[in-house]
C-alpha atoms as a PDB file:
ATOM      1  CA  MET A   1     121.562 170.070 102.340  1.00  0.00           C
ATOM      2  CA  LYS A   2     121.979 167.764  99.202  1.00  0.00           C
ATOM      3  CA  GLU A   3     119.719 165.612  98.636  1.00  0.00           C
ATOM      4  CA  LEU A   4     120.966 161.768  98.436  1.00  0.00           C
ATOM      5  CA  GLN A   5     119.204 158.685  97.767  1.00  0.00           C
ATOM      6  CA  PHE A   6     120.523 155.676 100.186  1.00  0.00           C
ATOM      7  CA  ASN A   7     119.119 151.961 100.387  1.00  0.00           C
ATOM      8  CA  LYS A   8     117.514 152.984 103.353  1.00  0.00           C
ATOM      9  CA  SER A   9     118.464 149.196 105.148  1.00  0.00           C
ATOM     10  CA  ALA A  10     119.065 148.307 108.666  1.00  0.00           C
ATOM     11  CA  ASP A  11     123.147 149.236 107.781  1.00  0.00           C
ATOM     12  CA  LEU A  12     122.761 152.082 107.012  1.00  0.00           C
ATOM     13  CA  TYR A  13     120.616 152.474 110.167  1.00  0.00           C
ATOM     14  CA  ASN A  14     123.318 151.516 112.172  1.00  0.00           C
ATOM     15  CA  LEU A  15     125.707 153.475 110.440  1.00  0.00           C
ATOM     16  CA  ILE A  16     123.864 156.845 111.368  1.00  0.00           C
ATOM     17  CA  LEU A  17     122.586 155.980 114.616  1.00  0.00           C
ATOM     18  CA  GLY A  18     126.494 155.051 115.192  1.00  0.00           C
ATOM     19  CA  GLY A  19     127.453 158.246 113.557  1.00  0.00           C
ATOM     20  CA  LEU A  20     125.093 160.636 115.934  1.00  0.00           C
ATOM     21  CA  ILE A  21     126.078 158.373 118.876  1.00  0.00           C
ATOM     22  CA  ALA A  22     129.880 159.723 118.313  1.00  0.00           C
ATOM     23  CA  LEU A  23     129.132 163.073 117.682  1.00  0.00           C
ATOM     24  CA  THR A  24     126.536 163.873 120.709  1.00  0.00           C
ATOM     25  CA  SER A  25     129.203 161.491 122.848  1.00  0.00           C
ATOM     26  CA  GLU A  26     131.369 163.913 121.802  1.00  0.00           C
ATOM     27  CA  GLN A  27     129.877 167.260 122.629  1.00  0.00           C
ATOM     28  CA  LYS A  28     128.625 166.684 125.732  1.00  0.00           C
ATOM     29  CA  ILE A  29     132.287 166.431 126.971  1.00  0.00           C
ATOM     30  CA  GLY A  30     132.822 169.790 125.074  1.00  0.00           C
ATOM     31  CA  LYS A  31     135.870 168.418 122.641  1.00  0.00           C
ATOM     32  CA  VAL A  32     132.713 169.164 119.969  1.00  0.00           C
ATOM     33  CA  SER A  33     130.976 172.695 119.600  1.00  0.00           C
ATOM     34  CA  TYR A  34     127.363 172.126 118.346  1.00  0.00           C
ATOM     35  CA  ARG A  35     127.853 174.278 115.329  1.00  0.00           C
ATOM     36  CA  SER A  36     127.508 172.876 112.483  1.00  0.00           C
ATOM     37  CA  VAL A  37     130.834 173.386 111.168  1.00  0.00           C
ATOM     38  CA  SER A  38     132.949 171.586 114.069  1.00  0.00           C
ATOM     39  CA  GLU A  39     129.279 168.376 113.866  1.00  0.00           C
ATOM     40  CA  ASN A  40     130.320 168.623 109.903  1.00  0.00           C
ATOM     41  CA  ILE A  41     134.161 168.373 109.941  1.00  0.00           C
ATOM     42  CA  PHE A  42     133.729 166.104 112.774  1.00  0.00           C
ATOM     43  CA  LEU A  43     131.663 163.560 110.928  1.00  0.00           C
ATOM     44  CA  GLY A  44     133.345 164.169 107.861  1.00  0.00           C
ATOM     45  CA  LYS A  45     136.939 162.705 110.109  1.00  0.00           C
ATOM     46  CA  TRP A  46     134.588 159.522 111.470  1.00  0.00           C
ATOM     47  CA  LEU A  47     133.095 158.893 108.097  1.00  0.00           C
ATOM     48  CA  LYS A  48     136.553 158.715 106.702  1.00  0.00           C
ATOM     49  CA  ARG A  49     137.685 156.542 109.517  1.00  0.00           C
ATOM     50  CA  ALA A  50     134.504 154.377 109.538  1.00  0.00           C
ATOM     51  CA  LYS A  51     135.381 153.541 105.513  1.00  0.00           C
ATOM     52  CA  LYS A  52     139.343 152.619 106.267  1.00  0.00           C
ATOM     53  CA  GLN A  53     138.481 150.461 108.912  1.00  0.00           C
ATOM     54  CA  LYS A  54     135.818 148.571 107.486  1.00  0.00           C
ATOM     55  CA  ARG A  55     133.636 148.810 110.448  1.00  0.00           C
ATOM     56  CA  TYR A  56     130.424 148.491 108.308  1.00  0.00           C
ATOM     57  CA  PRO A  57     129.476 146.144 105.623  1.00  0.00           C
ATOM     58  CA  ARG A  58     130.273 146.340 102.366  1.00  0.00           C
ATOM     59  CA  SER A  59     126.470 147.018 100.948  1.00  0.00           C
ATOM     60  CA  LEU A  60     126.587 150.406 102.036  1.00  0.00           C
ATOM     61  CA  SER A  61     129.964 151.227 100.367  1.00  0.00           C
ATOM     62  CA  ILE A  62     127.752 153.853  97.795  1.00  0.00           C
ATOM     63  CA  ASP A  63     126.130 155.676 100.638  1.00  0.00           C
ATOM     64  CA  ILE A  64     129.032 155.932 102.373  1.00  0.00           C
ATOM     65  CA  ASP A  65     131.272 157.620  99.295  1.00  0.00           C
ATOM     66  CA  SER A  66     128.319 159.544  98.577  1.00  0.00           C
ATOM     67  CA  MET A  67     128.686 161.725 102.139  1.00  0.00           C
ATOM     68  CA  LEU A  68     132.390 162.028 102.227  1.00  0.00           C
ATOM     69  CA  ASP A  69     131.422 163.247  98.378  1.00  0.00           C
ATOM     70  CA  LEU A  70     129.212 165.701 100.260  1.00  0.00           C
ATOM     71  CA  TYR A  71     132.396 166.915 102.535  1.00  0.00           C
ATOM     72  CA  ALA A  72     134.519 167.193  99.733  1.00  0.00           C
ATOM     73  CA  THR A  73     132.859 168.740  97.277  1.00  0.00           C
ATOM     74  CA  LYS A  74     131.290 170.929 100.405  1.00  0.00           C
ATOM     75  CA  ASN A  75     134.065 171.071 103.074  1.00  0.00           C
ATOM     76  CA  ILE A  76     132.333 172.963 105.891  1.00  0.00           C
ATOM     77  CA  SER A  77     129.321 173.834 104.081  1.00  0.00           C
ATOM     78  CA  GLY A  78     128.557 170.534 103.367  1.00  0.00           C
ATOM     79  CA  ASP A  79     126.065 169.872 107.595  1.00  0.00           C
ATOM     80  CA  LEU A  80     126.173 166.287 107.174  1.00  0.00           C
ATOM     81  CA  ALA A  81     125.259 166.764 110.734  1.00  0.00           C
ATOM     82  CA  ALA A  82     121.712 167.284 109.277  1.00  0.00           C
ATOM     83  CA  LEU A  83     121.775 164.699 107.212  1.00  0.00           C
ATOM     84  CA  PHE A  84     122.865 162.422 109.462  1.00  0.00           C
ATOM     85  CA  TYR A  85     119.522 163.168 111.772  1.00  0.00           C
ATOM     86  CA  HIS A  86     117.534 163.516 108.608  1.00  0.00           C
ATOM     87  CA  VAL A  87     117.886 160.472 107.753  1.00  0.00           C
ATOM     88  CA  PHE A  88     117.824 159.219 111.111  1.00  0.00           C
ATOM     89  CA  SER A  89     114.445 161.036 111.308  1.00  0.00           C
ATOM     90  CA  GLU A  90     113.166 159.359 108.471  1.00  0.00           C
ATOM     91  CA  PHE A  91     114.071 155.497 109.723  1.00  0.00           C
ATOM     92  CA  GLN A  92     112.292 156.341 112.650  1.00  0.00           C
ATOM     93  CA  LEU A  93     109.523 158.021 110.394  1.00  0.00           C
ATOM     94  CA  PHE A  94     109.362 154.644 108.711  1.00  0.00           C
ATOM     95  CA  LYS A  95     109.092 152.564 111.523  1.00  0.00           C
ATOM     96  CA  ASN A  96     106.167 154.121 113.381  1.00  0.00           C
ATOM     97  CA  MET A  97     104.057 154.270 109.838  1.00  0.00           C
ATOM     98  CA  SER A  98     104.488 150.125 110.103  1.00  0.00           C
ATOM     99  CA  LYS A  99     101.672 149.852 112.777  1.00  0.00           C
ATOM    100  CA  ILE A 100      98.320 148.522 111.294  1.00  0.00           C
ATOM    101  CA  PHE A 101      95.328 150.914 110.598  1.00  0.00           C
ATOM    102  CA  GLU A 102      91.539 149.521 111.448  1.00  0.00           C
ATOM    103  CA  LEU A 103      90.477 151.748 108.418  1.00  0.00           C
ATOM    104  CA  SER A 104      90.904 151.661 104.213  1.00  0.00           C
ATOM    105  CA  PRO A 105      93.270 153.604 103.219  1.00  0.00           C
ATOM    106  CA  LYS A 106      90.562 155.666 100.933  1.00  0.00           C
ATOM    107  CA  LYS A 107      88.662 155.861 104.541  1.00  0.00           C
ATOM    108  CA  ARG A 108      91.937 157.264 106.360  1.00  0.00           C
ATOM    109  CA  PHE A 109      92.898 159.547 103.326  1.00  0.00           C
ATOM    110  CA  ASP A 110      89.166 161.027 103.648  1.00  0.00           C
ATOM    111  CA  LYS A 111      89.456 161.052 107.393  1.00  0.00           C
ATOM    112  CA  ALA A 112      92.461 163.878 106.663  1.00  0.00           C
ATOM    113  CA  MET A 113      90.921 165.392 103.827  1.00  0.00           C
ATOM    114  CA  ASN A 114      87.824 166.018 105.945  1.00  0.00           C
ATOM    115  CA  GLU A 115      90.323 167.705 108.977  1.00  0.00           C
ATOM    116  CA  LEU A 116      91.904 169.914 106.714  1.00  0.00           C
ATOM    117  CA  THR A 117      88.326 171.346 104.988  1.00  0.00           C
ATOM    118  CA  LYS A 118      87.557 172.094 108.586  1.00  0.00           C
ATOM    119  CA  ASP A 119      90.582 173.765 108.852  1.00  0.00           C
ATOM    120  CA  ASP A 120      89.550 176.352 106.122  1.00  0.00           C
ATOM    121  CA  TRP A 121      91.284 174.324 103.590  1.00  0.00           C
ATOM    122  CA  HIS A 122      89.605 173.873 100.034  1.00  0.00           C
ATOM    123  CA  ILE A 123      89.933 170.515  98.669  1.00  0.00           C
ATOM    124  CA  SER A 124      89.656 170.031  94.769  1.00  0.00           C
ATOM    125  CA  LEU A 125      90.467 166.396  94.396  1.00  0.00           C
ATOM    126  CA  PRO A 126      90.837 166.449  91.433  1.00  0.00           C
ATOM    127  CA  ILE A 127      89.965 169.497  89.305  1.00  0.00           C
ATOM    128  CA  LYS A 128      88.300 170.319  85.871  1.00  0.00           C
ATOM    129  CA  HIS A 129      91.298 170.722  84.332  1.00  0.00           C
ATOM    130  CA  ASP A 130      92.388 169.856  80.396  1.00  0.00           C
ATOM    131  CA  ARG A 131      95.607 168.236  79.602  1.00  0.00           C
ATOM    132  CA  GLN A 132      95.950 168.481  76.345  1.00  0.00           C
ATOM    133  CA  THR A 133      94.470 172.421  75.873  1.00  0.00           C
ATOM    134  CA  GLY A 134      93.503 173.840  79.399  1.00  0.00           C
ATOM    135  CA  LYS A 135      95.441 176.787  80.369  1.00  0.00           C
ATOM    136  CA  PRO A 136      97.644 176.686  83.979  1.00  0.00           C
ATOM    137  CA  TYR A 137      95.008 175.840  86.610  1.00  0.00           C
ATOM    138  CA  ARG A 138      95.628 178.983  88.791  1.00  0.00           C
ATOM    139  CA  PRO A 139      93.848 178.301  92.308  1.00  0.00           C
ATOM    140  CA  GLN A 140      91.512 180.648  93.987  1.00  0.00           C
ATOM    141  CA  ASN A 141      91.739 179.998  97.597  1.00  0.00           C
ATOM    142  CA  ASP A 142      94.845 180.873  99.740  1.00  0.00           C
ATOM    143  CA  LYS A 143      94.861 177.559 101.221  1.00  0.00           C
ATOM    144  CA  GLU A 144      93.860 174.474  98.844  1.00  0.00           C
ATOM    145  CA  ILE A 145      94.988 171.112  97.848  1.00  0.00           C
ATOM    146  CA  PHE A 146      93.983 169.905  94.257  1.00  0.00           C
ATOM    147  CA  THR A 147      94.999 167.459  91.866  1.00  0.00           C
ATOM    148  CA  THR A 148      94.021 166.507  88.211  1.00  0.00           C
ATOM    149  CA  ASN A 149      92.021 163.825  86.782  1.00  0.00           C
ATOM    150  CA  TRP A 150      95.142 161.771  85.132  1.00  0.00           C
ATOM    151  CA  TYR A 151      97.102 161.456  88.953  1.00  0.00           C
ATOM    152  CA  TRP A 152      93.261 160.729  91.021  1.00  0.00           C
ATOM    153  CA  ASP A 153      91.844 158.511  88.133  1.00  0.00           C
ATOM    154  CA  ASP A 154      91.701 155.590  89.972  1.00  0.00           C
ATOM    155  CA  ALA A 155      93.772 155.631  92.455  1.00  0.00           C
ATOM    156  CA  PHE A 156      91.469 153.959  94.879  1.00  0.00           C
ATOM    157  CA  GLY A 157      90.414 150.291  93.819  1.00  0.00           C
ATOM    158  CA  THR A 158      87.463 148.470  94.423  1.00  0.00           C
ATOM    159  CA  LYS A 159      88.728 147.208  98.038  1.00  0.00           C
ATOM    160  CA  GLU A 160      89.530 151.069  98.957  1.00  0.00           C
ATOM    161  CA  ASP A 161      93.586 150.209  98.744  1.00  0.00           C
ATOM    162  CA  LEU A 162      95.528 153.015  97.331  1.00  0.00           C
ATOM    163  CA  THR A 163      96.325 151.182  94.130  1.00  0.00           C
ATOM    164  CA  LYS A 164      99.111 153.793  92.796  1.00  0.00           C
ATOM    165  CA  GLN A 165     101.330 156.791  92.676  1.00  0.00           C
ATOM    166  CA  VAL A 166      99.193 159.902  93.705  1.00  0.00           C
ATOM    167  CA  SER A 167     100.023 163.607  92.928  1.00  0.00           C
ATOM    168  CA  ILE A 168      98.571 166.325  95.241  1.00  0.00           C
ATOM    169  CA  PHE A 169      99.328 169.867  95.271  1.00  0.00           C
ATOM    170  CA  VAL A 170      99.156 172.068  97.957  1.00  0.00           C
ATOM    171  CA  VAL A 171      99.300 175.817  97.963  1.00  0.00           C
ATOM    172  CA  SER A 172      99.778 177.819 101.036  1.00  0.00           C
ATOM    173  CA  PRO A 173     102.818 176.704 103.536  1.00  0.00           C
ATOM    174  CA  PRO A 174     102.182 173.063 103.093  1.00  0.00           C
ATOM    175  CA  GLN A 175     103.657 171.704 107.458  1.00  0.00           C
ATOM    176  CA  SER A 176      99.194 170.941 108.258  1.00  0.00           C
ATOM    177  CA  VAL A 177      99.084 169.180 105.251  1.00  0.00           C
ATOM    178  CA  ILE A 178     102.270 167.043 106.284  1.00  0.00           C
ATOM    179  CA  ASP A 179     101.123 166.372 109.802  1.00  0.00           C
ATOM    180  CA  CYS A 180      97.330 165.230 108.862  1.00  0.00           C
ATOM    181  CA  LEU A 181      98.733 162.940 106.474  1.00  0.00           C
ATOM    182  CA  TYR A 182     100.988 162.142 108.707  1.00  0.00           C
ATOM    183  CA  ARG A 183      98.317 161.488 111.265  1.00  0.00           C
ATOM    184  CA  HIS A 184      96.119 158.916 109.179  1.00  0.00           C
ATOM    185  CA  GLY A 185      99.273 156.906 107.420  1.00  0.00           C
ATOM    186  CA  PHE A 186     100.314 158.784 104.702  1.00  0.00           C
ATOM    187  CA  ILE A 187     104.278 159.303 104.147  1.00  0.00           C
ATOM    188  CA  LEU A 188     104.262 162.115 102.195  1.00  0.00           C
ATOM    189  CA  VAL A 189     107.677 162.479  99.144  1.00  0.00           C
ATOM    190  CA  LYS A 190     108.835 166.350  98.212  1.00  0.00           C
ATOM    191  CA  GLY A 191     108.050 166.746  94.292  1.00  0.00           C
ATOM    192  CA  LEU A 192     108.273 170.381  93.010  1.00  0.00           C
ATOM    193  CA  SER A 193     107.773 173.778  94.028  1.00  0.00           C
ATOM    194  CA  SER A 194     107.065 176.744  91.873  1.00  0.00           C
ATOM    195  CA  LYS A 195     105.353 180.123  92.146  1.00  0.00           C
ATOM    196  CA  ASP A 196     103.048 181.836  90.104  1.00  0.00           C
ATOM    197  CA  GLU A 197     102.883 185.657  88.774  1.00  0.00           C
ATOM    198  CA  GLN A 198     101.069 186.135  91.530  1.00  0.00           C
ATOM    199  CA  GLY A 199     103.127 184.884  94.513  1.00  0.00           C
ATOM    200  CA  LYS A 200     101.598 181.776  95.173  1.00  0.00           C
ATOM    201  CA  CYS A 201     103.852 178.705  95.820  1.00  0.00           C
ATOM    202  CA  PHE A 202     102.601 175.144  94.891  1.00  0.00           C
ATOM    203  CA  TYR A 203     104.617 172.484  97.075  1.00  0.00           C
ATOM    204  CA  GLN A 204     103.815 169.024  94.986  1.00  0.00           C
ATOM    205  CA  TYR A 205     103.277 165.422  97.111  1.00  0.00           C
ATOM    206  CA  MET A 206     103.089 161.766  96.461  1.00  0.00           C
ATOM    207  CA  ILE A 207     101.655 159.744  98.387  1.00  0.00           C
ATOM    208  CA  PHE A 208     102.296 155.648  97.715  1.00  0.00           C
ATOM    209  CA  PRO A 209     100.246 152.199  98.360  1.00  0.00           C
ATOM    210  CA  GLU A 210     101.665 150.616 101.219  1.00  0.00           C
ATOM    211  CA  ASN A 211     104.218 153.774 101.321  1.00  0.00           C
ATOM    212  CA  LYS A 212     107.007 152.171 100.076  1.00  0.00           C
ATOM    213  CA  TYR A 213     108.174 155.724  98.709  1.00  0.00           C
ATOM    214  CA  CYS A 214     111.068 156.906  96.461  1.00  0.00           C
ATOM    215  CA  GLY A 215     112.270 159.935  97.244  1.00  0.00           C
ATOM    216  CA  GLU A 216     112.922 162.789  99.376  1.00  0.00           C
ATOM    217  CA  VAL A 217     110.219 162.660 102.102  1.00  0.00           C
ATOM    218  CA  ALA A 218     108.229 165.427 103.911  1.00  0.00           C
ATOM    219  CA  MET A 219     109.119 165.376 107.541  1.00  0.00           C
ATOM    220  CA  PRO A 220     106.375 166.234 109.868  1.00  0.00           C
ATOM    221  CA  THR A 221     106.819 168.141 112.833  1.00  0.00           C
ATOM    222  CA  LYS A 222     107.019 165.061 115.240  1.00  0.00           C
ATOM    223  CA  TYR A 223     110.621 164.365 113.830  1.00  0.00           C
ATOM    224  CA  GLN A 224     111.687 168.228 112.768  1.00  0.00           C
ATOM    225  CA  ASN A 225     113.126 168.369 115.694  1.00  0.00           C
ATOM    226  CA  ARG A 226     117.321 166.427 116.274  1.00  0.00           C
ATOM    227  CA  PRO A 227     116.282 163.338 118.375  1.00  0.00           C
ATOM    228  CA  ILE A 228     119.653 162.518 119.734  1.00  0.00           C
ATOM    229  CA  ARG A 229     121.220 164.873 121.948  1.00  0.00           C
END
């Protein structure tokens, strides 16, 4: 699925919801199959009609054109349905994360790290590493979470609030880390991923003050199943 940036407005939510309701309605009566090719063709045509009939505010014109460009470029392989469901899930995630947490961001982050430690994750926040002269860091553990001084220094203020964007790096399949931090009130955004010469995979994730994020969200397990059927 092509990564696209959207304005995350209520109007966009209404557009995405409208498209998914139209799709699932046609699927329930048997006019559209559940194959990704059929879903993609239906949503491509639905977007074209929505644009032609001016069903949605002008503020969404760039978003609609971006999706239509994806459809035109990838055609039947563009998987608009996956994109629609991802954006819909992201809205639901952000809505549910707007609740008030009793503990400060630092206390919630520390609790998440303690939980992961009990699940055999090795936590190194931060590692001792010289950015200018040091060799690339090589984790010694199969399950590890680490970051460096330049990301970690002054990450939390005197009131234990998160003061800046922070990157953490995960070695080993990261879903349990994503889920744990979600439970403690943090949305993770995907960064770069890589693999070292020994075959270990590194995943970068970013957290933002007050979850005011930009980029592609790493979805918790709770939001990975299609929410509309």
